[in-house]
Amino acid sequence: MQYMLMIYGSEAAEGSMTESQMGEVMGAYKAYSEALVKAGVMAGGERLKPTAAATTVRVVSGKTEVLNGPYADTKEQLGGYYLINVPDLDAALSWAARCPGASHGTVEVRPVWAM
């Protein structure tokens, strides 16, 4: 079954990290990604650009509205994701707990709805 691990964290906290701290975080993500690949469960994943680069689109009464930046103002922002293939929710939760983002933010685990 496929699960998406959505990694939420504070862009402000990330922006205040030293180069050394950022290097440690990136190293942890590299090791985690390699572990997913080695286990044969990695289906995809990427880091996202900051919310300032986002564009939000919605249609209201048939009219398209395009807004620069994120729609919601939140303490944590979606910073990246992993798409994994694992047997069940317990396995997905185990991988989510190992994700570096779980120690400095939140990792939302959601099953993919196969259409």
C-alpha atoms as a PDB file:
ATOM      1  CA  MET A   1       0.000   0.000   0.000  1.00  0.00           C
ATOM      2  CA  GLN A   2       1.234   3.506  -0.745  1.00  0.00           C
ATOM      3  CA  TYR A   3       1.504   6.152   1.958  1.00  0.00           C
ATOM      4  CA  MET A   4       2.592   9.759   1.689  1.00  0.00           C
ATOM      5  CA  LEU A   5       4.752  11.098   4.490  1.00  0.00           C
ATOM      6  CA  MET A   6       4.272  14.878   4.496  1.00  0.00           C
ATOM      7  CA  ILE A   7       6.952  16.746   6.412  1.00  0.00           C
ATOM      8  CA  TYR A   8       5.911  19.946   8.177  1.00  0.00           C
ATOM      9  CA  GLY A   9       8.329  22.297   9.892  1.00  0.00           C
ATOM     10  CA  SER A  10       9.014  25.934  10.606  1.00  0.00           C
ATOM     11  CA  GLU A  11      10.566  27.836   7.710  1.00  0.00           C
ATOM     12  CA  ALA A  12      11.609  30.512  10.209  1.00  0.00           C
ATOM     13  CA  ALA A  13      13.504  27.983  12.336  1.00  0.00           C
ATOM     14  CA  GLU A  14      15.177  26.548   9.239  1.00  0.00           C
ATOM     15  CA  GLY A  15      16.149  30.039   8.104  1.00  0.00           C
ATOM     16  CA  SER A  16      17.875  30.736  11.408  1.00  0.00           C
ATOM     17  CA  MET A  17      20.074  27.607  11.276  1.00  0.00           C
ATOM     18  CA  THR A  18      23.804  27.943  10.871  1.00  0.00           C
ATOM     19  CA  GLU A  19      25.461  26.392   7.835  1.00  0.00           C
ATOM     20  CA  SER A  20      26.779  23.620  10.074  1.00  0.00           C
ATOM     21  CA  GLN A  21      23.337  22.879  11.521  1.00  0.00           C
ATOM     22  CA  MET A  22      21.794  22.815   8.039  1.00  0.00           C
ATOM     23  CA  GLY A  23      24.528  20.419   6.927  1.00  0.00           C
ATOM     24  CA  GLU A  24      23.640  18.063   9.783  1.00  0.00           C
ATOM     25  CA  VAL A  25      19.946  18.172   8.886  1.00  0.00           C
ATOM     26  CA  MET A  26      20.619  17.539   5.206  1.00  0.00           C
ATOM     27  CA  GLY A  27      22.936  14.662   6.119  1.00  0.00           C
ATOM     28  CA  ALA A  28      20.193  13.105   8.236  1.00  0.00           C
ATOM     29  CA  TYR A  29      17.720  13.371   5.353  1.00  0.00           C
ATOM     30  CA  LYS A  30      20.251  11.847   2.952  1.00  0.00           C
ATOM     31  CA  ALA A  31      20.773   8.873   5.284  1.00  0.00           C
ATOM     32  CA  TYR A  32      17.016   8.468   5.745  1.00  0.00           C
ATOM     33  CA  SER A  33      16.417   8.563   1.984  1.00  0.00           C
ATOM     34  CA  GLU A  34      19.155   5.977   1.447  1.00  0.00           C
ATOM     35  CA  ALA A  35      17.560   3.724   4.089  1.00  0.00           C
ATOM     36  CA  LEU A  36      14.183   3.950   2.309  1.00  0.00           C
ATOM     37  CA  VAL A  37      15.817   3.035  -1.005  1.00  0.00           C
ATOM     38  CA  LYS A  38      17.807   0.173   0.543  1.00  0.00           C
ATOM     39  CA  ALA A  39      14.613  -1.217   2.124  1.00  0.00           C
ATOM     40  CA  GLY A  40      12.900  -1.076  -1.271  1.00  0.00           C
ATOM     41  CA  VAL A  41       9.999   1.066  -0.046  1.00  0.00           C
ATOM     42  CA  MET A  42      10.855   4.430  -1.641  1.00  0.00           C
ATOM     43  CA  ALA A  43       8.460   5.408  -4.444  1.00  0.00           C
ATOM     44  CA  GLY A  44       9.360   9.113  -4.579  1.00  0.00           C
ATOM     45  CA  GLY A  45      10.016  12.239  -2.605  1.00  0.00           C
ATOM     46  CA  GLU A  46      11.220  15.800  -2.900  1.00  0.00           C
ATOM     47  CA  ARG A  47      12.022  18.874  -0.868  1.00  0.00           C
ATOM     48  CA  LEU A  48       9.734  21.823  -1.607  1.00  0.00           C
ATOM     49  CA  LYS A  49      10.758  25.450  -2.072  1.00  0.00           C
ATOM     50  CA  PRO A  50       9.594  27.873   0.674  1.00  0.00           C
ATOM     51  CA  THR A  51       5.974  28.970   0.837  1.00  0.00           C
ATOM     52  CA  ALA A  52       6.962  32.397  -0.523  1.00  0.00           C
ATOM     53  CA  ALA A  53       7.404  30.635  -3.886  1.00  0.00           C
ATOM     54  CA  ALA A  54       3.903  29.117  -3.733  1.00  0.00           C
ATOM     55  CA  THR A  55       0.938  30.153  -5.855  1.00  0.00           C
ATOM     56  CA  THR A  56      -2.581  29.314  -4.709  1.00  0.00           C
ATOM     57  CA  VAL A  57      -5.420  28.802  -7.181  1.00  0.00           C
ATOM     58  CA  ARG A  58      -9.111  28.556  -6.361  1.00  0.00           C
ATOM     59  CA  VAL A  59     -12.333  28.994  -8.295  1.00  0.00           C
ATOM     60  CA  VAL A  60     -15.098  31.043  -6.667  1.00  0.00           C
ATOM     61  CA  SER A  61     -18.450  31.402  -8.461  1.00  0.00           C
ATOM     62  CA  GLY A  62     -16.823  30.243 -11.697  1.00  0.00           C
ATOM     63  CA  LYS A  63     -14.036  32.834 -11.506  1.00  0.00           C
ATOM     64  CA  THR A  64     -10.410  31.759 -11.081  1.00  0.00           C
ATOM     65  CA  GLU A  65      -8.461  33.522  -8.346  1.00  0.00           C
ATOM     66  CA  VAL A  66      -4.672  33.276  -8.268  1.00  0.00           C
ATOM     67  CA  LEU A  67      -2.882  34.317  -5.085  1.00  0.00           C
ATOM     68  CA  ASN A  68       0.863  34.574  -4.516  1.00  0.00           C
ATOM     69  CA  GLY A  69       2.143  32.707  -1.498  1.00  0.00           C
ATOM     70  CA  PRO A  70       0.364  30.243   0.744  1.00  0.00           C
ATOM     71  CA  TYR A  71      -3.336  30.480   1.436  1.00  0.00           C
ATOM     72  CA  ALA A  72      -3.129  29.732   5.168  1.00  0.00           C
ATOM     73  CA  ASP A  73      -0.872  31.358   7.730  1.00  0.00           C
ATOM     74  CA  THR A  74       0.412  28.525   9.911  1.00  0.00           C
ATOM     75  CA  LYS A  75       3.250  27.861  12.378  1.00  0.00           C
ATOM     76  CA  GLU A  76       4.473  24.907  10.310  1.00  0.00           C
ATOM     77  CA  GLN A  77       4.732  24.674   6.546  1.00  0.00           C
ATOM     78  CA  LEU A  78       4.835  21.664   4.217  1.00  0.00           C
ATOM     79  CA  GLY A  79       8.503  21.369   3.346  1.00  0.00           C
ATOM     80  CA  GLY A  80       8.686  18.062   1.536  1.00  0.00           C
ATOM     81  CA  TYR A  81       7.340  14.566   1.208  1.00  0.00           C
ATOM     82  CA  TYR A  82       8.158  10.924   0.704  1.00  0.00           C
ATOM     83  CA  LEU A  83       5.931   8.457  -1.122  1.00  0.00           C
ATOM     84  CA  ILE A  84       6.494   4.944   0.201  1.00  0.00           C
ATOM     85  CA  ASN A  85       5.194   1.441  -0.555  1.00  0.00           C
ATOM     86  CA  VAL A  86       4.780  -0.565   2.641  1.00  0.00           C
ATOM     87  CA  PRO A  87       2.476  -3.414   3.748  1.00  0.00           C
ATOM     88  CA  ASP A  88       0.385  -1.462   6.257  1.00  0.00           C
ATOM     89  CA  LEU A  89      -0.104   1.637   8.412  1.00  0.00           C
ATOM     90  CA  ASP A  90       2.135   0.302  11.175  1.00  0.00           C
ATOM     91  CA  ALA A  91       5.055   0.079   8.744  1.00  0.00           C
ATOM     92  CA  ALA A  92       4.313   3.595   7.453  1.00  0.00           C
ATOM     93  CA  LEU A  93       4.224   4.952  11.006  1.00  0.00           C
ATOM     94  CA  SER A  94       7.526   3.258  11.777  1.00  0.00           C
ATOM     95  CA  TRP A  95       9.169   4.937   8.771  1.00  0.00           C
ATOM     96  CA  ALA A  96       7.575   8.288   9.689  1.00  0.00           C
ATOM     97  CA  ALA A  97       9.049   8.075  13.193  1.00  0.00           C
ATOM     98  CA  ARG A  98      12.513   7.575  11.664  1.00  0.00           C
ATOM     99  CA  CYS A  99      12.153  10.650   9.429  1.00  0.00           C
ATOM    100  CA  PRO A 100      14.390  13.546  10.568  1.00  0.00           C
ATOM    101  CA  GLY A 101      11.386  15.878  10.278  1.00  0.00           C
ATOM    102  CA  ALA A 102       9.631  14.046  13.105  1.00  0.00           C
ATOM    103  CA  SER A 103      12.240  15.323  15.573  1.00  0.00           C
ATOM    104  CA  HIS A 104      11.897  19.025  14.675  1.00  0.00           C
ATOM    105  CA  GLY A 105       8.382  19.245  13.219  1.00  0.00           C
ATOM    106  CA  THR A 106       5.538  16.957  12.219  1.00  0.00           C
ATOM    107  CA  VAL A 107       5.250  14.109   9.746  1.00  0.00           C
ATOM    108  CA  GLU A 108       1.697  13.491   8.558  1.00  0.00           C
ATOM    109  CA  VAL A 109       1.091   9.952   7.303  1.00  0.00           C
ATOM    110  CA  ARG A 110      -1.722   9.529   4.830  1.00  0.00           C
ATOM    111  CA  PRO A 111      -2.693   6.515   2.696  1.00  0.00           C
ATOM    112  CA  VAL A 112      -2.847   7.160  -1.040  1.00  0.00           C
ATOM    113  CA  TRP A 113      -6.310   6.581  -2.471  1.00  0.00           C
ATOM    114  CA  ALA A 114      -5.768   4.507  -5.594  1.00  0.00           C
ATOM    115  CA  MET A 115      -8.207   5.663  -8.246  1.00  0.00           C
END
